[in-house]
């Protein structure tokens, strides 16, 4: 029995844990057009992504790792939309955009809108999503 192959989850390392690394993108800022709200409030989006690690001997090539610029471009397009329903929509769409990248396994999205209320600097939402782990 000692010579039997060890079964590991897809993409797992020798300990059985999936090999990932974390990308942090903090305080992406843009103005947005909110449905039913005058003006263009400022939105701040922060991301934490767990990304599949390409392995110890991956090539020195941008296609082997997750590109920050791809994420930023996605956020720019999202925030440029007209009549955005609200911060929940932005958080949900941001999670979808991140998980559309095959290397992303987990995403946490924090969205905060500048607040017109004198008592608060902003209001927003946080969501987390995981990719199905089936191989």
N, C-alpha and C. Protein backbone atom coordinates (compact mmCIF):
# COMPACT_ATOMS: atom_id res chain seq x y z
N UNK A 1 0.80 -1.20 0.00
CA UNK A 1 0.00 0.00 0.00
C UNK A 1 0.85 1.26 0.00
N UNK A 2 2.08 1.21 0.49
CA UNK A 2 2.91 2.40 0.57
C UNK A 2 3.28 2.94 -0.81
N UNK A 3 3.21 2.11 -1.85
CA UNK A 3 3.57 2.53 -3.19
C UNK A 3 2.39 3.04 -4.00
N UNK A 4 1.19 3.06 -3.41
CA UNK A 4 0.03 3.54 -4.15
C UNK A 4 0.13 5.04 -4.35
N UNK A 5 -0.33 5.54 -5.52
CA UNK A 5 -0.30 6.99 -5.74
C UNK A 5 -1.22 7.70 -4.75
N UNK A 6 -0.81 8.87 -4.37
CA UNK A 6 -1.60 9.68 -3.45
C UNK A 6 -2.58 10.51 -4.26
N UNK A 7 -3.84 10.44 -3.89
CA UNK A 7 -4.86 11.23 -4.56
C UNK A 7 -4.88 12.63 -3.95
N UNK A 8 -4.79 13.65 -4.83
CA UNK A 8 -4.82 15.04 -4.38
C UNK A 8 -5.89 15.80 -5.14
N UNK A 9 -6.44 16.83 -4.52
CA UNK A 9 -7.36 17.67 -5.26
C UNK A 9 -6.67 18.28 -6.47
N UNK A 10 -7.44 18.63 -7.48
CA UNK A 10 -6.90 19.25 -8.69
C UNK A 10 -6.05 20.46 -8.34
N UNK A 11 -4.82 20.53 -8.86
CA UNK A 11 -3.95 21.67 -8.62
C UNK A 11 -3.32 21.69 -7.23
N UNK A 12 -3.40 20.60 -6.49
CA UNK A 12 -2.89 20.60 -5.11
C UNK A 12 -1.39 20.37 -5.09
N UNK A 13 -0.76 20.87 -4.03
CA UNK A 13 0.66 20.60 -3.83
C UNK A 13 0.83 19.31 -3.04
N UNK A 14 2.05 19.00 -2.62
CA UNK A 14 2.32 17.74 -1.92
C UNK A 14 1.56 17.61 -0.60
N UNK A 15 1.20 18.75 0.01
CA UNK A 15 0.47 18.68 1.27
C UNK A 15 -1.03 18.49 1.04
N UNK A 16 -1.47 18.55 -0.22
CA UNK A 16 -2.88 18.42 -0.53
C UNK A 16 -3.58 19.76 -0.66
N UNK A 17 -2.87 20.84 -0.35
CA UNK A 17 -3.46 22.18 -0.46
C UNK A 17 -3.28 22.70 -1.88
N UNK A 18 -4.28 23.38 -2.38
CA UNK A 18 -4.19 23.96 -3.71
C UNK A 18 -3.12 25.04 -3.72
N UNK A 19 -2.28 25.04 -4.74
CA UNK A 19 -1.22 26.04 -4.86
C UNK A 19 -1.82 27.33 -5.41
N UNK A 20 -1.85 28.36 -4.58
CA UNK A 20 -2.40 29.66 -4.98
C UNK A 20 -1.48 30.77 -4.51
N UNK A 21 -1.70 31.95 -5.04
CA UNK A 21 -1.08 33.15 -4.51
C UNK A 21 -2.18 34.20 -4.44
N UNK A 22 -1.93 35.27 -3.71
CA UNK A 22 -2.94 36.29 -3.50
C UNK A 22 -2.54 37.57 -4.21
N UNK A 23 -3.49 38.14 -4.92
CA UNK A 23 -3.33 39.44 -5.55
C UNK A 23 -4.20 40.42 -4.78
N UNK A 24 -3.62 41.54 -4.40
CA UNK A 24 -4.37 42.61 -3.75
C UNK A 24 -4.41 43.80 -4.69
N UNK A 25 -5.58 44.32 -4.89
CA UNK A 25 -5.76 45.56 -5.65
C UNK A 25 -6.58 46.46 -4.75
N UNK A 26 -5.95 47.49 -4.24
CA UNK A 26 -6.62 48.33 -3.24
C UNK A 26 -6.93 49.70 -3.78
N UNK A 27 -8.12 50.16 -3.43
CA UNK A 27 -8.54 51.54 -3.65
C UNK A 27 -8.53 51.98 -5.11
N UNK A 28 -8.99 51.11 -6.01
CA UNK A 28 -9.27 51.56 -7.37
C UNK A 28 -10.38 52.60 -7.24
N UNK A 29 -10.20 53.76 -7.82
CA UNK A 29 -11.16 54.85 -7.65
C UNK A 29 -11.62 55.36 -9.01
N UNK A 30 -12.94 55.59 -9.11
CA UNK A 30 -13.54 56.15 -10.32
C UNK A 30 -14.82 56.86 -9.93
N UNK A 31 -15.36 57.65 -10.85
CA UNK A 31 -16.68 58.21 -10.63
C UNK A 31 -17.67 57.35 -11.40
N UNK A 32 -18.90 57.26 -10.89
CA UNK A 32 -19.92 56.43 -11.53
C UNK A 32 -21.22 57.21 -11.67
N UNK A 33 -22.01 56.78 -12.63
CA UNK A 33 -23.34 57.32 -12.84
C UNK A 33 -24.33 56.37 -12.18
N UNK A 34 -24.92 56.79 -11.07
CA UNK A 34 -25.88 55.93 -10.36
C UNK A 34 -27.30 56.25 -10.82
N UNK A 35 -28.05 55.22 -11.08
CA UNK A 35 -29.45 55.38 -11.49
C UNK A 35 -30.22 56.14 -10.42
N UNK A 36 -30.95 57.18 -10.84
CA UNK A 36 -31.80 57.93 -9.92
C UNK A 36 -31.07 58.84 -8.96
N UNK A 37 -29.78 59.03 -9.16
CA UNK A 37 -29.01 59.88 -8.24
C UNK A 37 -28.27 60.93 -9.06
N UNK A 38 -28.42 62.20 -8.70
CA UNK A 38 -27.73 63.25 -9.46
C UNK A 38 -26.22 63.21 -9.20
N UNK A 39 -25.49 63.79 -10.12
CA UNK A 39 -24.05 63.86 -9.96
C UNK A 39 -23.38 62.52 -10.23
N UNK A 40 -22.11 62.49 -9.99
CA UNK A 40 -21.30 61.29 -10.19
C UNK A 40 -20.48 61.05 -8.92
N UNK A 41 -21.01 60.22 -8.01
CA UNK A 41 -20.24 59.94 -6.80
C UNK A 41 -18.98 59.13 -7.12
N UNK A 42 -18.05 59.19 -6.19
CA UNK A 42 -16.82 58.42 -6.32
C UNK A 42 -17.04 57.03 -5.74
N UNK A 43 -16.54 56.03 -6.45
CA UNK A 43 -16.58 54.66 -5.96
C UNK A 43 -15.14 54.22 -5.72
N UNK A 44 -14.94 53.47 -4.66
CA UNK A 44 -13.63 52.89 -4.35
C UNK A 44 -13.82 51.38 -4.29
N UNK A 45 -13.03 50.66 -5.07
CA UNK A 45 -13.14 49.19 -5.14
C UNK A 45 -11.80 48.59 -4.73
N UNK A 46 -11.85 47.66 -3.79
CA UNK A 46 -10.66 46.91 -3.39
C UNK A 46 -10.93 45.43 -3.59
N UNK A 47 -9.91 44.72 -4.05
CA UNK A 47 -10.04 43.29 -4.36
C UNK A 47 -8.97 42.48 -3.66
N UNK A 48 -9.35 41.27 -3.27
CA UNK A 48 -8.41 40.25 -2.84
C UNK A 48 -8.74 39.02 -3.67
N UNK A 49 -7.78 38.58 -4.47
CA UNK A 49 -7.99 37.43 -5.35
C UNK A 49 -7.04 36.30 -4.96
N UNK A 50 -7.56 35.10 -4.81
CA UNK A 50 -6.73 33.90 -4.69
C UNK A 50 -6.65 33.33 -6.10
N UNK A 51 -5.43 33.18 -6.57
CA UNK A 51 -5.20 32.82 -7.96
C UNK A 51 -4.39 31.53 -8.02
N UNK A 52 -4.74 30.64 -8.95
CA UNK A 52 -3.98 29.40 -9.14
C UNK A 52 -2.54 29.72 -9.46
N UNK A 53 -1.64 29.10 -8.71
CA UNK A 53 -0.21 29.29 -8.95
C UNK A 53 0.21 28.42 -10.12
N UNK A 54 0.98 28.96 -11.05
CA UNK A 54 1.35 28.18 -12.24
C UNK A 54 2.41 27.12 -11.99
N UNK A 55 2.94 27.01 -10.77
CA UNK A 55 3.93 25.99 -10.46
C UNK A 55 5.31 26.58 -10.29
N UNK A 56 6.20 25.78 -9.74
CA UNK A 56 7.54 26.27 -9.41
C UNK A 56 8.38 26.62 -10.63
N UNK A 57 8.18 25.92 -11.72
CA UNK A 57 9.03 26.16 -12.89
C UNK A 57 8.28 26.88 -14.00
N UNK A 58 7.35 27.78 -13.63
CA UNK A 58 6.60 28.47 -14.67
C UNK A 58 7.52 29.44 -15.42
N UNK A 59 7.22 29.67 -16.71
CA UNK A 59 8.08 30.55 -17.50
C UNK A 59 7.92 32.01 -17.07
N UNK A 60 8.94 32.80 -17.34
CA UNK A 60 8.88 34.24 -17.05
C UNK A 60 8.08 34.89 -18.18
N UNK A 61 6.76 34.74 -18.07
CA UNK A 61 5.86 35.16 -19.14
C UNK A 61 4.57 35.65 -18.49
N UNK A 62 4.09 36.82 -18.90
CA UNK A 62 2.89 37.40 -18.30
C UNK A 62 1.68 36.49 -18.46
N UNK A 63 1.65 35.64 -19.48
CA UNK A 63 0.50 34.75 -19.67
C UNK A 63 0.46 33.64 -18.63
N UNK A 64 1.57 33.43 -17.92
CA UNK A 64 1.61 32.38 -16.90
C UNK A 64 1.05 32.85 -15.56
N UNK A 65 0.90 34.16 -15.39
CA UNK A 65 0.39 34.71 -14.13
C UNK A 65 -0.80 35.62 -14.42
N UNK A 66 -1.50 36.01 -13.37
CA UNK A 66 -2.65 36.89 -13.50
C UNK A 66 -2.16 38.32 -13.70
N UNK A 67 -2.74 39.02 -14.67
CA UNK A 67 -2.34 40.39 -14.96
C UNK A 67 -3.20 41.39 -14.19
N UNK A 68 -2.55 42.27 -13.44
CA UNK A 68 -3.26 43.34 -12.74
C UNK A 68 -3.96 44.26 -13.75
N UNK A 69 -3.29 44.52 -14.85
CA UNK A 69 -3.83 45.45 -15.84
C UNK A 69 -5.16 44.96 -16.42
N UNK A 70 -5.30 43.66 -16.61
CA UNK A 70 -6.58 43.11 -17.08
C UNK A 70 -7.71 43.44 -16.11
N UNK A 71 -7.43 43.31 -14.83
CA UNK A 71 -8.43 43.58 -13.81
C UNK A 71 -8.79 45.07 -13.81
N UNK A 72 -7.79 45.92 -13.86
CA UNK A 72 -8.02 47.37 -13.85
C UNK A 72 -8.83 47.78 -15.08
N UNK A 73 -8.52 47.25 -16.24
CA UNK A 73 -9.28 47.57 -17.45
C UNK A 73 -10.74 47.13 -17.31
N UNK A 74 -10.97 45.96 -16.73
CA UNK A 74 -12.35 45.51 -16.49
C UNK A 74 -13.09 46.48 -15.57
N UNK A 75 -12.42 46.95 -14.51
CA UNK A 75 -13.04 47.88 -13.57
C UNK A 75 -13.34 49.22 -14.24
N UNK A 76 -12.45 49.68 -15.09
CA UNK A 76 -12.69 50.95 -15.81
C UNK A 76 -13.94 50.85 -16.68
N UNK A 77 -14.07 49.75 -17.40
CA UNK A 77 -15.26 49.56 -18.26
C UNK A 77 -16.53 49.48 -17.42
N UNK A 78 -16.48 48.76 -16.32
CA UNK A 78 -17.64 48.62 -15.45
C UNK A 78 -18.08 49.98 -14.90
N UNK A 79 -17.15 50.76 -14.43
CA UNK A 79 -17.49 52.06 -13.82
C UNK A 79 -17.91 53.09 -14.86
N UNK A 80 -17.61 52.86 -16.12
CA UNK A 80 -18.01 53.79 -17.18
C UNK A 80 -19.45 53.59 -17.63
N UNK A 81 -20.11 52.53 -17.17
CA UNK A 81 -21.50 52.28 -17.55
C UNK A 81 -22.39 53.41 -17.06
N UNK A 82 -23.47 53.64 -17.77
CA UNK A 82 -24.46 54.64 -17.37
C UNK A 82 -25.52 54.00 -16.48
N UNK A 83 -26.03 54.76 -15.54
CA UNK A 83 -27.14 54.36 -14.67
C UNK A 83 -26.88 53.04 -13.93
N UNK A 84 -25.75 52.97 -13.25
CA UNK A 84 -25.42 51.80 -12.43
C UNK A 84 -26.44 51.73 -11.28
N UNK A 85 -27.04 50.56 -11.04
CA UNK A 85 -28.06 50.45 -9.99
C UNK A 85 -27.58 50.74 -8.57
N UNK A 86 -26.33 50.45 -8.24
CA UNK A 86 -25.84 50.71 -6.89
C UNK A 86 -24.60 49.92 -6.57
N UNK A 87 -24.10 50.04 -5.33
CA UNK A 87 -22.86 49.36 -4.95
C UNK A 87 -22.98 47.84 -4.99
N UNK A 88 -24.16 47.30 -4.72
CA UNK A 88 -24.34 45.85 -4.78
C UNK A 88 -24.10 45.34 -6.20
N UNK A 89 -24.63 46.07 -7.16
CA UNK A 89 -24.44 45.72 -8.58
C UNK A 89 -22.94 45.76 -8.92
N UNK A 90 -22.27 46.83 -8.51
CA UNK A 90 -20.84 46.94 -8.80
C UNK A 90 -20.05 45.80 -8.18
N UNK A 91 -20.37 45.43 -6.95
CA UNK A 91 -19.67 44.34 -6.29
C UNK A 91 -19.93 43.01 -7.00
N UNK A 92 -21.18 42.77 -7.34
CA UNK A 92 -21.56 41.53 -8.01
C UNK A 92 -20.89 41.41 -9.38
N UNK A 93 -20.95 42.48 -10.16
CA UNK A 93 -20.33 42.45 -11.50
C UNK A 93 -18.81 42.35 -11.40
N UNK A 94 -18.21 43.01 -10.41
CA UNK A 94 -16.77 42.92 -10.23
C UNK A 94 -16.36 41.48 -9.92
N UNK A 95 -17.10 40.81 -9.06
CA UNK A 95 -16.81 39.40 -8.75
C UNK A 95 -16.93 38.55 -10.01
N UNK A 96 -17.98 38.79 -10.79
CA UNK A 96 -18.15 38.04 -12.05
C UNK A 96 -16.98 38.27 -13.00
N UNK A 97 -16.57 39.54 -13.13
CA UNK A 97 -15.45 39.86 -14.02
C UNK A 97 -14.16 39.17 -13.57
N UNK A 98 -13.92 39.15 -12.27
CA UNK A 98 -12.71 38.50 -11.75
C UNK A 98 -12.76 36.99 -11.98
N UNK A 99 -13.91 36.38 -11.68
CA UNK A 99 -14.02 34.92 -11.85
C UNK A 99 -14.07 34.50 -13.31
N UNK A 100 -14.26 35.45 -14.23
CA UNK A 100 -14.19 35.13 -15.66
C UNK A 100 -12.76 34.80 -16.08
N UNK A 101 -11.78 35.23 -15.27
CA UNK A 101 -10.39 34.87 -15.52
C UNK A 101 -10.18 33.47 -14.94
N UNK A 102 -9.83 32.48 -15.77
CA UNK A 102 -9.75 31.09 -15.31
C UNK A 102 -8.81 30.84 -14.13
N UNK A 103 -7.80 31.67 -13.95
CA UNK A 103 -6.84 31.46 -12.86
C UNK A 103 -7.39 31.85 -11.49
N UNK A 104 -8.45 32.67 -11.45
CA UNK A 104 -8.99 33.17 -10.19
C UNK A 104 -9.85 32.09 -9.54
N UNK A 105 -9.51 31.74 -8.28
CA UNK A 105 -10.22 30.70 -7.53
C UNK A 105 -11.19 31.31 -6.52
N UNK A 106 -10.85 32.48 -5.97
CA UNK A 106 -11.64 33.12 -4.90
C UNK A 106 -11.49 34.63 -5.05
N UNK A 107 -12.57 35.35 -4.80
CA UNK A 107 -12.50 36.81 -4.86
C UNK A 107 -13.28 37.41 -3.69
N UNK A 108 -12.70 38.44 -3.12
CA UNK A 108 -13.39 39.27 -2.13
C UNK A 108 -13.41 40.67 -2.73
N UNK A 109 -14.60 41.27 -2.77
CA UNK A 109 -14.78 42.59 -3.37
C UNK A 109 -15.35 43.53 -2.32
N UNK A 110 -14.69 44.65 -2.11
CA UNK A 110 -15.18 45.73 -1.25
C UNK A 110 -15.50 46.92 -2.16
N UNK A 111 -16.74 47.40 -2.09
CA UNK A 111 -17.16 48.56 -2.88
C UNK A 111 -17.69 49.61 -1.91
N UNK A 112 -17.14 50.81 -2.03
CA UNK A 112 -17.59 51.91 -1.18
C UNK A 112 -17.87 53.13 -2.04
N UNK A 113 -19.06 53.72 -1.85
CA UNK A 113 -19.44 54.95 -2.54
C UNK A 113 -19.26 56.12 -1.60
N UNK A 114 -18.81 57.24 -2.17
CA UNK A 114 -18.76 58.45 -1.35
C UNK A 114 -20.20 58.77 -0.93
N UNK A 115 -20.35 59.27 0.25
CA UNK A 115 -21.68 59.46 0.81
C UNK A 115 -22.08 60.93 0.82
N UNK A 116 -23.34 61.21 0.46
CA UNK A 116 -23.83 62.58 0.56
C UNK A 116 -24.24 62.92 2.00
N UNK A 117 -24.17 61.94 2.90
CA UNK A 117 -24.56 62.16 4.29
C UNK A 117 -23.41 62.80 5.06
N UNK A 118 -23.72 63.79 5.85
CA UNK A 118 -22.68 64.52 6.60
C UNK A 118 -22.01 63.64 7.65
N UNK A 119 -22.70 62.62 8.13
CA UNK A 119 -22.19 61.79 9.22
C UNK A 119 -21.24 60.68 8.77
N UNK A 120 -21.20 60.39 7.47
CA UNK A 120 -20.39 59.25 7.01
C UNK A 120 -19.52 59.64 5.83
N UNK A 121 -18.38 59.00 5.75
CA UNK A 121 -17.48 59.22 4.61
C UNK A 121 -17.93 58.41 3.40
N UNK A 122 -18.59 57.28 3.66
CA UNK A 122 -19.03 56.44 2.56
C UNK A 122 -19.86 55.28 3.06
N UNK A 123 -20.44 54.58 2.11
CA UNK A 123 -21.26 53.40 2.41
C UNK A 123 -21.02 52.39 1.30
N UNK A 124 -21.12 51.12 1.62
CA UNK A 124 -20.88 50.13 0.58
C UNK A 124 -21.15 48.72 1.01
N UNK A 125 -20.59 47.79 0.26
CA UNK A 125 -20.81 46.36 0.48
C UNK A 125 -19.51 45.59 0.28
N UNK A 126 -19.47 44.40 0.86
CA UNK A 126 -18.40 43.44 0.65
C UNK A 126 -19.03 42.11 0.28
N UNK A 127 -18.52 41.48 -0.77
CA UNK A 127 -18.98 40.13 -1.12
C UNK A 127 -17.77 39.24 -1.36
N UNK A 128 -17.95 37.95 -1.18
CA UNK A 128 -16.92 36.96 -1.51
C UNK A 128 -17.56 35.90 -2.39
N UNK A 129 -16.77 35.40 -3.29
CA UNK A 129 -17.21 34.33 -4.18
C UNK A 129 -16.08 33.34 -4.38
N UNK A 130 -16.44 32.08 -4.57
CA UNK A 130 -15.48 31.02 -4.86
C UNK A 130 -15.84 30.36 -6.17
N UNK A 131 -14.82 30.00 -6.93
CA UNK A 131 -15.04 29.22 -8.14
C UNK A 131 -15.31 27.78 -7.74
N UNK A 132 -16.18 27.11 -8.46
CA UNK A 132 -16.38 25.68 -8.23
C UNK A 132 -15.03 25.00 -8.37
N UNK A 133 -14.74 24.06 -7.50
CA UNK A 133 -13.42 23.43 -7.50
C UNK A 133 -13.36 22.15 -8.32
N UNK A 134 -14.42 21.83 -9.04
CA UNK A 134 -14.37 20.64 -9.90
C UNK A 134 -13.34 20.83 -11.00
N UNK A 135 -12.61 19.77 -11.33
CA UNK A 135 -11.60 19.83 -12.39
C UNK A 135 -12.19 19.35 -13.70
